[in-house]
Structures are given as C-alpha cells and as structure tokens.
C-alpha atoms as a PDB file:
ATOM      1  CA  CYS A   1     298.694 -35.838 121.175  1.00  0.00           C
ATOM      2  CA  PRO A   2     295.749 -37.471 121.963  1.00  0.00           C
ATOM      3  CA  MET A   3     294.939 -39.008 117.817  1.00  0.00           C
ATOM      4  CA  ALA A   4     298.413 -40.675 118.309  1.00  0.00           C
ATOM      5  CA  GLN A   5     297.254 -42.404 122.232  1.00  0.00           C
ATOM      6  CA  MET A   6     294.220 -43.723 120.597  1.00  0.00           C
ATOM      7  CA  THR A   7     296.167 -45.289 117.618  1.00  0.00           C
ATOM      8  CA  LEU A   8     298.304 -46.706 120.407  1.00  0.00           C
ATOM      9  CA  LYS A   9     295.665 -47.631 122.418  1.00  0.00           C
ATOM     10  CA  ASN A  10     293.768 -49.504 119.184  1.00  0.00           C
ATOM     11  CA  GLY A  11     296.620 -51.039 118.297  1.00  0.00           C
ATOM     12  CA  ILE A  12     297.421 -52.526 121.994  1.00  0.00           C
ATOM     13  CA  GLU A  13     293.296 -53.761 122.085  1.00  0.00           C
ATOM     14  CA  ARG A  14     294.147 -55.114 119.091  1.00  0.00           C
ATOM     15  CA  LEU A  15     296.882 -57.198 119.661  1.00  0.00           C
ATOM     16  CA  LEU A  16     295.066 -58.859 123.033  1.00  0.00           C
ATOM     17  CA  LYS A  17     291.777 -59.386 121.549  1.00  0.00           C
ATOM     18  CA  LYS A  18     294.047 -61.710 118.949  1.00  0.00           C
ATOM     19  CA  GLU A  19     295.592 -63.118 121.942  1.00  0.00           C
ATOM     20  CA  ILE A  20     293.187 -63.027 124.612  1.00  0.00           C
ATOM     21  CA  PRO A  21     289.510 -62.706 123.662  1.00  0.00           C
ATOM     22  CA  GLU A  22     288.668 -62.439 127.312  1.00  0.00           C
ATOM     23  CA  VAL A  23     290.860 -59.072 127.372  1.00  0.00           C
ATOM     24  CA  ARG A  24     288.453 -56.793 125.647  1.00  0.00           C
ATOM     25  CA  GLU A  25     285.862 -57.280 128.853  1.00  0.00           C
ATOM     26  CA  VAL A  26     288.177 -56.093 131.275  1.00  0.00           C
ATOM     27  CA  ILE A  27     288.977 -53.531 128.587  1.00  0.00           C
ATOM     28  CA  SER A  28     285.243 -52.362 128.608  1.00  0.00           C
ATOM     29  CA  ALA A  29     284.744 -52.756 131.803  1.00  0.00           C
END
C-alpha cells in the first residue's frame, strides 16, 4: 500500500535528518 511506503520513507528521512543534516539534500536531489 502506497501510504505505508510513504510513512516508511518519511520515517527513514526523519531518522537520517537527525543523524546527518546533509542527507536531506541528497534525498531531495
């Protein structure tokens, strides 16, 4: 289900942003 996938992606992004702020730019690119 797309919604679950989106939630998982958001969770991972939030985790990475907390660990490494630069990752946000990589994900956005």
